[in-house]
PDB file of N, CA and C in Angstrom:
ATOM      1  N   UNK A   1     111.440 106.757 110.958  1.00  0.00           N
ATOM      2  CA  UNK A   1     109.641 106.254 111.084  1.00  0.00           C
ATOM      3  C   UNK A   1     109.647 106.023 112.801  1.00  0.00           C
ATOM      4  N   UNK A   2     108.038 106.250 112.949  1.00  0.00           N
ATOM      5  CA  UNK A   2     107.904 106.036 114.221  1.00  0.00           C
ATOM      6  C   UNK A   2     106.868 104.793 114.512  1.00  0.00           C
ATOM      7  N   UNK A   3     107.013 103.583 115.376  1.00  0.00           N
ATOM      8  CA  UNK A   3     106.283 102.595 115.460  1.00  0.00           C
ATOM      9  C   UNK A   3     105.457 102.816 116.242  1.00  0.00           C
ATOM     10  N   UNK A   4     104.359 102.169 115.872  1.00  0.00           N
ATOM     11  CA  UNK A   4     102.802 101.986 116.486  1.00  0.00           C
ATOM     12  C   UNK A   4     103.507 102.495 118.359  1.00  0.00           C
ATOM     13  N   UNK A   5     104.073 101.280 118.743  1.00  0.00           N
ATOM     14  CA  UNK A   5     104.126 101.257 119.960  1.00  0.00           C
ATOM     15  C   UNK A   5     105.217 102.241 120.417  1.00  0.00           C
ATOM     16  N   UNK A   6     106.042 102.924 120.201  1.00  0.00           N
ATOM     17  CA  UNK A   6     106.588 103.858 120.413  1.00  0.00           C
ATOM     18  C   UNK A   6     105.459 105.212 120.377  1.00  0.00           C
ATOM     19  N   UNK A   7     104.208 105.120 119.925  1.00  0.00           N
ATOM     20  CA  UNK A   7     103.342 106.222 120.256  1.00  0.00           C
ATOM     21  C   UNK A   7     102.327 105.774 121.158  1.00  0.00           C
ATOM     22  N   UNK A   8     102.121 104.206 121.601  1.00  0.00           N
ATOM     23  CA  UNK A   8     101.274 103.568 122.238  1.00  0.00           C
ATOM     24  C   UNK A   8     101.456 104.273 123.909  1.00  0.00           C
ATOM     25  N   UNK A   9     100.606 104.426 124.623  1.00  0.00           N
ATOM     26  CA  UNK A   9     100.913 104.111 126.123  1.00  0.00           C
ATOM     27  C   UNK A   9     101.589 102.847 126.442  1.00  0.00           C
ATOM     28  N   UNK A  10     102.767 103.354 127.556  1.00  0.00           N
ATOM     29  CA  UNK A  10     103.649 102.023 127.571  1.00  0.00           C
ATOM     30  C   UNK A  10     103.092 101.238 128.469  1.00  0.00           C
ATOM     31  N   UNK A  11     101.489 101.029 128.724  1.00  0.00           N
ATOM     32  CA  UNK A  11     101.397  99.859 129.694  1.00  0.00           C
ATOM     33  C   UNK A  11     100.970  98.717 128.375  1.00  0.00           C
ATOM     34  N   UNK A  12     100.672  99.299 127.034  1.00  0.00           N
ATOM     35  CA  UNK A  12     100.553  97.974 126.494  1.00  0.00           C
ATOM     36  C   UNK A  12     101.573  96.869 126.358  1.00  0.00           C
ATOM     37  N   UNK A  13     100.927  95.914 126.216  1.00  0.00           N
ATOM     38  CA  UNK A  13     101.920  94.646 125.906  1.00  0.00           C
ATOM     39  C   UNK A  13     102.599  94.274 124.619  1.00  0.00           C
ATOM     40  N   UNK A  14     103.818  93.681 124.376  1.00  0.00           N
ATOM     41  CA  UNK A  14     104.085  93.582 123.308  1.00  0.00           C
ATOM     42  C   UNK A  14     103.163  92.666 122.430  1.00  0.00           C
ATOM     43  N   UNK A  15     103.020  92.519 121.298  1.00  0.00           N
ATOM     44  CA  UNK A  15     101.917  91.343 120.870  1.00  0.00           C
ATOM     45  C   UNK A  15     102.653  89.793 120.285  1.00  0.00           C
ATOM     46  N   UNK A  16     101.944  89.281 120.790  1.00  0.00           N
ATOM     47  CA  UNK A  16     102.526  87.834 120.693  1.00  0.00           C
ATOM     48  C   UNK A  16     101.884  87.295 118.814  1.00  0.00           C
ATOM     49  N   UNK A  17     100.864  87.820 118.327  1.00  0.00           N
ATOM     50  CA  UNK A  17     100.812  87.793 117.460  1.00  0.00           C
ATOM     51  C   UNK A  17      99.951  89.253 116.349  1.00  0.00           C
ATOM     52  N   UNK A  18      99.755  89.059 115.350  1.00  0.00           N
ATOM     53  CA  UNK A  18      99.084  89.631 114.438  1.00  0.00           C
ATOM     54  C   UNK A  18      98.462  89.418 113.629  1.00  0.00           C
ATOM     55  N   UNK A  19      97.204  89.663 113.273  1.00  0.00           N
ATOM     56  CA  UNK A  19      96.081  88.881 112.027  1.00  0.00           C
ATOM     57  C   UNK A  19      95.196  90.473 111.660  1.00  0.00           C
ATOM     58  N   UNK A  20      95.743  90.564 110.143  1.00  0.00           N
ATOM     59  CA  UNK A  20      95.242  91.680 109.515  1.00  0.00           C
ATOM     60  C   UNK A  20      94.700  90.942 108.400  1.00  0.00           C
ATOM     61  N   UNK A  21      93.465  91.439 108.556  1.00  0.00           N
ATOM     62  CA  UNK A  21      92.438  91.345 107.275  1.00  0.00           C
ATOM     63  C   UNK A  21      92.079  92.489 106.527  1.00  0.00           C
ATOM     64  N   UNK A  22      92.295  92.389 105.448  1.00  0.00           N
ATOM     65  CA  UNK A  22      92.210  93.807 104.208  1.00  0.00           C
ATOM     66  C   UNK A  22      92.360  94.883 104.825  1.00  0.00           C
ATOM     67  N   UNK A  23      93.887  95.188 105.122  1.00  0.00           N
ATOM     68  CA  UNK A  23      94.047  96.292 105.811  1.00  0.00           C
ATOM     69  C   UNK A  23      94.248  97.534 104.854  1.00  0.00           C
ATOM     70  N   UNK A  24      93.490  98.652 105.467  1.00  0.00           N
ATOM     71  CA  UNK A  24      93.833 100.057 104.398  1.00  0.00           C
ATOM     72  C   UNK A  24      95.382 100.138 104.510  1.00  0.00           C
ATOM     73  N   UNK A  25      96.232 100.971 104.015  1.00  0.00           N
ATOM     74  CA  UNK A  25      97.162 101.204 103.379  1.00  0.00           C
ATOM     75  C   UNK A  25      97.713 102.460 104.912  1.00  0.00           C
ATOM     76  N   UNK A  26      98.683 101.968 105.685  1.00  0.00           N
ATOM     77  CA  UNK A  26      98.927 102.676 106.940  1.00  0.00           C
ATOM     78  C   UNK A  26      99.875 104.027 106.364  1.00  0.00           C
ATOM     79  N   UNK A  27      99.874 103.890 105.125  1.00  0.00           N
ATOM     80  CA  UNK A  27     101.045 105.265 104.813  1.00  0.00           C
ATOM     81  C   UNK A  27      99.722 106.664 104.089  1.00  0.00           C
ATOM     82  N   UNK A  28      98.583 106.035 104.222  1.00  0.00           N
ATOM     83  CA  UNK A  28      97.136 106.742 103.531  1.00  0.00           C
ATOM     84  C   UNK A  28      96.757 107.569 105.453  1.00  0.00           C
ATOM     85  N   UNK A  29      97.295 107.019 106.073  1.00  0.00           N
ATOM     86  CA  UNK A  29      96.747 107.489 107.126  1.00  0.00           C
ATOM     87  C   UNK A  29      97.736 108.279 107.903  1.00  0.00           C
ATOM     88  N   UNK A  30      99.137 107.563 108.065  1.00  0.00           N
ATOM     89  CA  UNK A  30     100.281 108.588 108.500  1.00  0.00           C
ATOM     90  C   UNK A  30     101.524 108.049 108.159  1.00  0.00           C
ATOM     91  N   UNK A  31     101.922 109.218 106.992  1.00  0.00           N
ATOM     92  CA  UNK A  31     103.333 108.529 105.936  1.00  0.00           C
ATOM     93  C   UNK A  31     104.110 108.057 107.266  1.00  0.00           C
ATOM     94  N   UNK A  32     104.434 108.883 108.272  1.00  0.00           N
ATOM     95  CA  UNK A  32     105.570 108.369 109.277  1.00  0.00           C
ATOM     96  C   UNK A  32     105.454 107.009 109.912  1.00  0.00           C
ATOM     97  N   UNK A  33     104.286 106.493 109.918  1.00  0.00           N
ATOM     98  CA  UNK A  33     104.070 105.426 110.951  1.00  0.00           C
ATOM     99  C   UNK A  33     104.875 104.269 110.319  1.00  0.00           C
ATOM    100  N   UNK A  34     105.251 103.351 110.622  1.00  0.00           N
ATOM    101  CA  UNK A  34     105.732 102.096 111.000  1.00  0.00           C
ATOM    102  C   UNK A  34     104.928 101.103 111.478  1.00  0.00           C
ATOM    103  N   UNK A  35     104.220 100.110 110.606  1.00  0.00           N
ATOM    104  CA  UNK A  35     103.566  99.475 111.240  1.00  0.00           C
ATOM    105  C   UNK A  35     104.654  97.751 111.788  1.00  0.00           C
ATOM    106  N   UNK A  36     105.922  97.268 111.527  1.00  0.00           N
ATOM    107  CA  UNK A  36     106.075  96.631 111.758  1.00  0.00           C
ATOM    108  C   UNK A  36     106.296  95.996 113.540  1.00  0.00           C
ATOM    109  N   UNK A  37     105.838  95.268 113.483  1.00  0.00           N
ATOM    110  CA  UNK A  37     105.730  94.632 115.732  1.00  0.00           C
ATOM    111  C   UNK A  37     107.193  94.388 115.449  1.00  0.00           C
ATOM    112  N   UNK A  38     107.370  94.529 117.006  1.00  0.00           N
ATOM    113  CA  UNK A  38     108.639  93.710 117.658  1.00  0.00           C
ATOM    114  C   UNK A  38     108.809  92.371 116.933  1.00  0.00           C
ATOM    115  N   UNK A  39     110.100  92.181 117.005  1.00  0.00           N
ATOM    116  CA  UNK A  39     110.533  90.721 116.468  1.00  0.00           C
ATOM    117  C   UNK A  39     110.147  89.482 117.467  1.00  0.00           C
ATOM    118  N   UNK A  40     109.709  88.272 117.176  1.00  0.00           N
ATOM    119  CA  UNK A  40     109.173  87.482 117.964  1.00  0.00           C
ATOM    120  C   UNK A  40     107.669  87.418 117.446  1.00  0.00           C
ATOM    121  N   UNK A  41     106.870  88.721 117.119  1.00  0.00           N
ATOM    122  CA  UNK A  41     105.953  88.635 116.932  1.00  0.00           C
ATOM    123  C   UNK A  41     105.444  87.781 115.383  1.00  0.00           C
ATOM    124  N   UNK A  42     104.400  86.842 115.603  1.00  0.00           N
ATOM    125  CA  UNK A  42     103.906  86.444 114.263  1.00  0.00           C
ATOM    126  C   UNK A  42     103.069  87.175 113.698  1.00  0.00           C
ATOM    127  N   UNK A  43     103.111  87.228 112.554  1.00  0.00           N
ATOM    128  CA  UNK A  43     101.900  87.898 111.590  1.00  0.00           C
ATOM    129  C   UNK A  43     101.168  87.229 110.366  1.00  0.00           C
ATOM    130  N   UNK A  44      99.988  87.352 110.104  1.00  0.00           N
ATOM    131  CA  UNK A  44      99.144  86.565 109.149  1.00  0.00           C
ATOM    132  C   UNK A  44      98.688  87.844 108.489  1.00  0.00           C
ATOM    133  N   UNK A  45      98.571  88.067 107.194  1.00  0.00           N
ATOM    134  CA  UNK A  45      98.141  89.190 106.704  1.00  0.00           C
ATOM    135  C   UNK A  45      97.347  88.643 105.238  1.00  0.00           C
ATOM    136  N   UNK A  46      96.197  89.245 105.793  1.00  0.00           N
ATOM    137  CA  UNK A  46      95.076  88.916 104.243  1.00  0.00           C
ATOM    138  C   UNK A  46      94.944  90.163 103.471  1.00  0.00           C
ATOM    139  N   UNK A  47      94.967  89.643 102.308  1.00  0.00           N
ATOM    140  CA  UNK A  47      94.182  90.942 101.391  1.00  0.00           C
ATOM    141  C   UNK A  47      93.315  90.085 100.017  1.00  0.00           C
ATOM    142  N   UNK A  48      92.107  90.911  99.790  1.00  0.00           N
ATOM    143  CA  UNK A  48      91.165  89.796  99.128  1.00  0.00           C
ATOM    144  C   UNK A  48      91.386  90.209  97.699  1.00  0.00           C
ATOM    145  N   UNK A  49      91.349  89.174  96.796  1.00  0.00           N
ATOM    146  CA  UNK A  49      91.634  88.959  95.178  1.00  0.00           C
ATOM    147  C   UNK A  49      90.569  90.487  94.707  1.00  0.00           C
ATOM    148  N   UNK A  50      89.236  90.846  95.026  1.00  0.00           N
ATOM    149  CA  UNK A  50      88.168  91.377  94.575  1.00  0.00           C
ATOM    150  C   UNK A  50      87.896  92.205  95.597  1.00  0.00           C
ATOM    151  N   UNK A  51      88.710  92.727  96.752  1.00  0.00           N
ATOM    152  CA  UNK A  51      88.505  93.707  97.243  1.00  0.00           C
ATOM    153  C   UNK A  51      88.531  95.389  96.743  1.00  0.00           C
ATOM    154  N   UNK A  52      87.087  95.905  96.729  1.00  0.00           N
ATOM    155  CA  UNK A  52      87.110  96.848  95.759  1.00  0.00           C
ATOM    156  C   UNK A  52      87.295  98.143  97.066  1.00  0.00           C
ATOM    157  N   UNK A  53      87.316  97.920  97.898  1.00  0.00           N
ATOM    158  CA  UNK A  53      87.528  99.086  99.514  1.00  0.00           C
ATOM    159  C   UNK A  53      88.804  99.472  99.406  1.00  0.00           C
ATOM    160  N   UNK A  54      89.649  98.477  99.771  1.00  0.00           N
ATOM    161  CA  UNK A  54      91.345  98.765 100.116  1.00  0.00           C
ATOM    162  C   UNK A  54      91.723  97.914  98.898  1.00  0.00           C
ATOM    163  N   UNK A  55      91.930  97.282  98.542  1.00  0.00           N
ATOM    164  CA  UNK A  55      92.346  96.669  97.421  1.00  0.00           C
ATOM    165  C   UNK A  55      93.692  96.001  98.135  1.00  0.00           C
ATOM    166  N   UNK A  56      94.666  95.593  97.563  1.00  0.00           N
ATOM    167  CA  UNK A  56      95.716  95.085  97.935  1.00  0.00           C
ATOM    168  C   UNK A  56      96.920  96.394  98.661  1.00  0.00           C
ATOM    169  N   UNK A  57      96.794  97.556  97.987  1.00  0.00           N
ATOM    170  CA  UNK A  57      97.794  98.219  99.034  1.00  0.00           C
ATOM    171  C   UNK A  57      98.421  98.737 100.350  1.00  0.00           C
ATOM    172  N   UNK A  58      96.905  98.310 101.064  1.00  0.00           N
ATOM    173  CA  UNK A  58      97.394  98.457 102.338  1.00  0.00           C
ATOM    174  C   UNK A  58      98.432  97.301 102.822  1.00  0.00           C
ATOM    175  N   UNK A  59      97.786  95.613 102.344  1.00  0.00           N
ATOM    176  CA  UNK A  59      98.478  94.433 102.795  1.00  0.00           C
ATOM    177  C   UNK A  59     100.013  94.584 102.243  1.00  0.00           C
ATOM    178  N   UNK A  60      99.761  95.157 100.702  1.00  0.00           N
ATOM    179  CA  UNK A  60     101.907  95.019 100.260  1.00  0.00           C
ATOM    180  C   UNK A  60     102.227  96.267 101.107  1.00  0.00           C
ATOM    181  N   UNK A  61     101.921  97.187 101.092  1.00  0.00           N
ATOM    182  CA  UNK A  61     102.656  98.475 102.454  1.00  0.00           C
ATOM    183  C   UNK A  61     103.388  97.617 103.696  1.00  0.00           C
ATOM    184  N   UNK A  62     102.401  97.162 103.813  1.00  0.00           N
ATOM    185  CA  UNK A  62     102.551  95.999 105.522  1.00  0.00           C
ATOM    186  C   UNK A  62     103.680  95.221 105.235  1.00  0.00           C
ATOM    187  N   UNK A  63     103.255  94.150 104.311  1.00  0.00           N
ATOM    188  CA  UNK A  63     104.123  93.246 103.806  1.00  0.00           C
ATOM    189  C   UNK A  63     105.803  94.025 103.805  1.00  0.00           C
ATOM    190  N   UNK A  64     105.689  94.920 103.390  1.00  0.00           N
ATOM    191  CA  UNK A  64     106.932  95.432 103.073  1.00  0.00           C
ATOM    192  C   UNK A  64     107.902  95.866 104.238  1.00  0.00           C
ATOM    193  N   UNK A  65     107.160  96.561 104.903  1.00  0.00           N
ATOM    194  CA  UNK A  65     107.480  96.594 106.502  1.00  0.00           C
ATOM    195  C   UNK A  65     108.121  95.758 107.143  1.00  0.00           C
ATOM    196  N   UNK A  66     107.417  94.527 106.835  1.00  0.00           N
ATOM    197  CA  UNK A  66     107.928  93.293 107.833  1.00  0.00           C
ATOM    198  C   UNK A  66     109.215  92.574 107.266  1.00  0.00           C
ATOM    199  N   UNK A  67     109.894  92.776 106.258  1.00  0.00           N
ATOM    200  CA  UNK A  67     110.796  92.517 106.202  1.00  0.00           C
ATOM    201  C   UNK A  67     112.208  92.236 107.296  1.00  0.00           C
ATOM    202  N   UNK A  68     111.489  93.243 108.073  1.00  0.00           N
ATOM    203  CA  UNK A  68     112.734  92.768 109.341  1.00  0.00           C
ATOM    204  C   UNK A  68     112.883  91.710 110.103  1.00  0.00           C
ATOM    205  N   UNK A  69     111.105  90.836 109.637  1.00  0.00           N
ATOM    206  CA  UNK A  69     111.160  89.872 110.896  1.00  0.00           C
ATOM    207  C   UNK A  69     111.419  88.542 109.919  1.00  0.00           C
ATOM    208  N   UNK A  70     111.535  87.396 110.899  1.00  0.00           N
ATOM    209  CA  UNK A  70     111.841  86.450 109.746  1.00  0.00           C
ATOM    210  C   UNK A  70     110.661  85.678 108.949  1.00  0.00           C
ATOM    211  N   UNK A  71     111.244  85.288 108.191  1.00  0.00           N
ATOM    212  CA  UNK A  71     110.184  84.765 107.106  1.00  0.00           C
ATOM    213  C   UNK A  71     109.300  83.547 108.020  1.00  0.00           C
ATOM    214  N   UNK A  72     110.088  83.200 108.707  1.00  0.00           N
ATOM    215  CA  UNK A  72     108.889  81.862 109.666  1.00  0.00           C
ATOM    216  C   UNK A  72     108.217  82.624 110.518  1.00  0.00           C
ATOM    217  N   UNK A  73     107.893  83.812 110.583  1.00  0.00           N
ATOM    218  CA  UNK A  73     107.448  84.296 111.473  1.00  0.00           C
ATOM    219  C   UNK A  73     106.323  85.535 110.716  1.00  0.00           C
ATOM    220  N   UNK A  74     106.013  85.478 109.698  1.00  0.00           N
ATOM    221  CA  UNK A  74     104.843  86.482 108.674  1.00  0.00           C
ATOM    222  C   UNK A  74     104.471  85.431 107.299  1.00  0.00           C
ATOM    223  N   UNK A  75     103.703  85.710 107.129  1.00  0.00           N
ATOM    224  CA  UNK A  75     102.650  85.051 105.892  1.00  0.00           C
ATOM    225  C   UNK A  75     101.582  85.860 105.419  1.00  0.00           C
ATOM    226  N   UNK A  76     101.729  85.909 104.304  1.00  0.00           N
ATOM    227  CA  UNK A  76     100.647  86.991 103.667  1.00  0.00           C
ATOM    228  C   UNK A  76      99.938  86.173 102.319  1.00  0.00           C
ATOM    229  N   UNK A  77      99.055  85.988 102.567  1.00  0.00           N
ATOM    230  CA  UNK A  77      97.888  85.261 101.978  1.00  0.00           C
ATOM    231  C   UNK A  77      96.823  86.103 100.471  1.00  0.00           C
ATOM    232  N   UNK A  78      96.655  86.063  99.711  1.00  0.00           N
ATOM    233  CA  UNK A  78      95.646  86.432  98.846  1.00  0.00           C
ATOM    234  C   UNK A  78      94.762  85.611  98.532  1.00  0.00           C
ATOM    235  N   UNK A  79      93.603  86.056  99.523  1.00  0.00           N
ATOM    236  CA  UNK A  79      92.163  84.880  99.356  1.00  0.00           C
ATOM    237  C   UNK A  79      91.678  85.425  98.038  1.00  0.00           C
ATOM    238  N   UNK A  80      91.554  84.180  97.300  1.00  0.00           N
ATOM    239  CA  UNK A  80      90.879  84.247  95.919  1.00  0.00           C
ATOM    240  C   UNK A  80      89.219  84.197  96.054  1.00  0.00           C
ATOM    241  N   UNK A  81      89.268  84.499  95.064  1.00  0.00           N
ATOM    242  CA  UNK A  81      87.259  84.144  94.430  1.00  0.00           C
ATOM    243  C   UNK A  81      87.235  82.929  94.447  1.00  0.00           C
ATOM    244  N   UNK A  82      86.420  82.139  94.670  1.00  0.00           N
ATOM    245  CA  UNK A  82      85.857  81.064  93.780  1.00  0.00           C
ATOM    246  C   UNK A  82      84.766  80.939  93.959  1.00  0.00           C
ATOM    247  N   UNK A  83      83.819  79.540  93.664  1.00  0.00           N
ATOM    248  CA  UNK A  83      82.557  79.272  93.860  1.00  0.00           C
ATOM    249  C   UNK A  83      81.831  79.686  95.102  1.00  0.00           C
ATOM    250  N   UNK A  84      82.425  79.287  95.857  1.00  0.00           N
ATOM    251  CA  UNK A  84      81.918  79.475  97.177  1.00  0.00           C
ATOM    252  C   UNK A  84      82.288  80.926  98.067  1.00  0.00           C
ATOM    253  N   UNK A  85      82.785  81.311  97.385  1.00  0.00           N
ATOM    254  CA  UNK A  85      83.207  82.873  98.084  1.00  0.00           C
ATOM    255  C   UNK A  85      83.620  83.745  97.437  1.00  0.00           C
ATOM    256  N   UNK A  86      82.890  85.095  97.562  1.00  0.00           N
ATOM    257  CA  UNK A  86      83.451  86.168  96.502  1.00  0.00           C
ATOM    258  C   UNK A  86      84.366  87.053  97.771  1.00  0.00           C
ATOM    259  N   UNK A  87      85.768  87.026  97.331  1.00  0.00           N
ATOM    260  CA  UNK A  87      87.004  87.357  98.266  1.00  0.00           C
ATOM    261  C   UNK A  87      86.890  89.140  98.051  1.00  0.00           C
ATOM    262  N   UNK A  88      85.858  89.639  98.205  1.00  0.00           N
ATOM    263  CA  UNK A  88      85.648  90.757  98.343  1.00  0.00           C
ATOM    264  C   UNK A  88      85.596  91.549  99.939  1.00  0.00           C
ATOM    265  N   UNK A  89      85.703  93.001  99.981  1.00  0.00           N
ATOM    266  CA  UNK A  89      86.340  93.514 101.296  1.00  0.00           C
ATOM    267  C   UNK A  89      84.952  93.255 102.933  1.00  0.00           C
ATOM    268  N   UNK A  90      84.278  92.642 102.115  1.00  0.00           N
ATOM    269  CA  UNK A  90      82.872  92.272 103.175  1.00  0.00           C
ATOM    270  C   UNK A  90      83.111  90.834 103.246  1.00  0.00           C
ATOM    271  N   UNK A  91      83.691  89.844 102.661  1.00  0.00           N
ATOM    272  CA  UNK A  91      83.545  88.476 102.831  1.00  0.00           C
ATOM    273  C   UNK A  91      83.814  88.090 104.277  1.00  0.00           C
ATOM    274  N   UNK A  92      84.995  88.482 105.059  1.00  0.00           N
ATOM    275  CA  UNK A  92      84.924  87.713 106.449  1.00  0.00           C
ATOM    276  C   UNK A  92      83.710  88.191 107.442  1.00  0.00           C
ATOM    277  N   UNK A  93      82.764  88.639 107.081  1.00  0.00           N
ATOM    278  CA  UNK A  93      81.685  89.253 107.509  1.00  0.00           C
ATOM    279  C   UNK A  93      80.287  88.085 107.895  1.00  0.00           C
ATOM    280  N   UNK A  94      80.456  87.352 106.645  1.00  0.00           N
ATOM    281  CA  UNK A  94      79.753  86.781 106.487  1.00  0.00           C
ATOM    282  C   UNK A  94      79.922  84.678 106.832  1.00  0.00           C
ATOM    283  N   UNK A  95      79.852  84.953 108.482  1.00  0.00           N
ATOM    284  CA  UNK A  95      80.246  84.239 109.082  1.00  0.00           C
ATOM    285  C   UNK A  95      79.515  83.046 108.979  1.00  0.00           C
ATOM    286  N   UNK A  96      78.041  83.013 108.667  1.00  0.00           N
ATOM    287  CA  UNK A  96      77.434  81.861 108.779  1.00  0.00           C
ATOM    288  C   UNK A  96      78.045  80.677 107.540  1.00  0.00           C
ATOM    289  N   UNK A  97      78.901  81.414 106.871  1.00  0.00           N
ATOM    290  CA  UNK A  97      79.330  79.848 105.171  1.00  0.00           C
ATOM    291  C   UNK A  97      80.624  79.517 106.374  1.00  0.00           C
ATOM    292  N   UNK A  98      80.743  78.367 106.163  1.00  0.00           N
ATOM    293  CA  UNK A  98      81.727  77.294 106.430  1.00  0.00           C
ATOM    294  C   UNK A  98      82.854  77.544 105.729  1.00  0.00           C
ATOM    295  N   UNK A  99      82.358  78.326 104.511  1.00  0.00           N
ATOM    296  CA  UNK A  99      84.084  78.262 103.977  1.00  0.00           C
ATOM    297  C   UNK A  99      84.505  79.517 104.758  1.00  0.00           C
ATOM    298  N   UNK A 100      83.839  80.657 104.884  1.00  0.00           N
ATOM    299  CA  UNK A 100      83.959  81.651 105.132  1.00  0.00           C
ATOM    300  C   UNK A 100      84.699  81.529 106.875  1.00  0.00           C
ATOM    301  N   UNK A 101      84.346  80.757 107.473  1.00  0.00           N
ATOM    302  CA  UNK A 101      84.886  80.632 108.548  1.00  0.00           C
ATOM    303  C   UNK A 101      86.269  79.444 108.502  1.00  0.00           C
ATOM    304  N   UNK A 102      86.235  78.401 107.579  1.00  0.00           N
ATOM    305  CA  UNK A 102      87.882  78.060 107.503  1.00  0.00           C
ATOM    306  C   UNK A 102      88.689  79.062 106.623  1.00  0.00           C
ATOM    307  N   UNK A 103      88.222  80.063 105.973  1.00  0.00           N
ATOM    308  CA  UNK A 103      89.594  80.813 105.405  1.00  0.00           C
ATOM    309  C   UNK A 103      90.011  82.329 106.372  1.00  0.00           C
ATOM    310  N   UNK A 104      89.255  82.465 107.100  1.00  0.00           N
ATOM    311  CA  UNK A 104      89.018  83.435 108.071  1.00  0.00           C
ATOM    312  C   UNK A 104      89.619  83.092 109.017  1.00  0.00           C
ATOM    313  N   UNK A 105      88.329  82.748 109.910  1.00  0.00           N
ATOM    314  CA  UNK A 105      88.547  82.561 111.555  1.00  0.00           C
ATOM    315  C   UNK A 105      88.913  81.618 111.968  1.00  0.00           C
ATOM    316  N   UNK A 106      89.789  80.314 111.216  1.00  0.00           N
ATOM    317  CA  UNK A 106      90.357  79.100 111.803  1.00  0.00           C
ATOM    318  C   UNK A 106      91.862  79.390 111.560  1.00  0.00           C
ATOM    319  N   UNK A 107      91.859  80.353 110.521  1.00  0.00           N
ATOM    320  CA  UNK A 107      93.674  80.784 110.703  1.00  0.00           C
ATOM    321  C   UNK A 107      93.674  81.603 111.990  1.00  0.00           C
ATOM    322  N   UNK A 108      92.591  82.489 112.376  1.00  0.00           N
ATOM    323  CA  UNK A 108      92.765  83.083 113.729  1.00  0.00           C
ATOM    324  C   UNK A 108      92.911  82.619 114.878  1.00  0.00           C
ATOM    325  N   UNK A 109      92.034  81.329 114.743  1.00  0.00           N
ATOM    326  CA  UNK A 109      92.057  80.603 115.799  1.00  0.00           C
ATOM    327  C   UNK A 109      93.556  80.198 116.448  1.00  0.00           C
ATOM    328  N   UNK A 110      93.622  79.582 114.947  1.00  0.00           N
ATOM    329  CA  UNK A 110      95.107  78.451 115.256  1.00  0.00           C
ATOM    330  C   UNK A 110      96.476  80.087 115.766  1.00  0.00           C
ATOM    331  N   UNK A 111      96.257  80.925 114.825  1.00  0.00           N
ATOM    332  CA  UNK A 111      96.750  82.118 115.477  1.00  0.00           C
ATOM    333  C   UNK A 111      97.320  82.298 116.985  1.00  0.00           C
ATOM    334  N   UNK A 112      95.776  82.448 117.721  1.00  0.00           N
ATOM    335  CA  UNK A 112      95.679  82.508 118.790  1.00  0.00           C
ATOM    336  C   UNK A 112      96.360  81.458 119.854  1.00  0.00           C
ATOM    337  N   UNK A 113      95.877  80.491 119.158  1.00  0.00           N
ATOM    338  CA  UNK A 113      96.365  79.487 119.981  1.00  0.00           C
ATOM    339  C   UNK A 113      97.771  79.145 120.247  1.00  0.00           C
ATOM    340  N   UNK A 114      98.385  79.295 119.060  1.00  0.00           N
ATOM    341  CA  UNK A 114     100.207  79.671 118.724  1.00  0.00           C
ATOM    342  C   UNK A 114     100.883  80.621 119.956  1.00  0.00           C
ATOM    343  N   UNK A 115      99.911  81.703 119.929  1.00  0.00           N
ATOM    344  CA  UNK A 115     100.359  82.497 120.484  1.00  0.00           C
ATOM    345  C   UNK A 115      99.895  82.351 122.394  1.00  0.00           C
ATOM    346  N   UNK A 116      99.420  81.312 122.488  1.00  0.00           N
ATOM    347  CA  UNK A 116      99.096  81.325 123.976  1.00  0.00           C
ATOM    348  C   UNK A 116      99.892  80.234 124.062  1.00  0.00           C
ATOM    349  N   UNK A 117     100.138  79.415 123.751  1.00  0.00           N
ATOM    350  CA  UNK A 117     101.437  78.049 123.850  1.00  0.00           C
ATOM    351  C   UNK A 117     102.527  78.840 124.136  1.00  0.00           C
TER     352      UNK A 117
END
């Protein structure tokens, strides 16, 4: 398999963190593409319970490719539908909602803060 970094320009820096919200299945794009980042990279992966656009297949495939990372460096969250949040593909775009900001954007802020420290 080929990794993204193998295909990328050599000037790309190693990522400190990866945050993926409702990703498409990378195998449908390129079956030879391996998406696992280098060791030492923290990964937070989200899938929506009611995402009818990409479902969980992309997140499940990426999660399977993250097995080489230590458990402490990777996290997979299923975003559940509640009275205040419909966990569909558009959910992250409703930035006016405090629930959306806490569900999607606060974890990103924490991940960036950790990567910068």
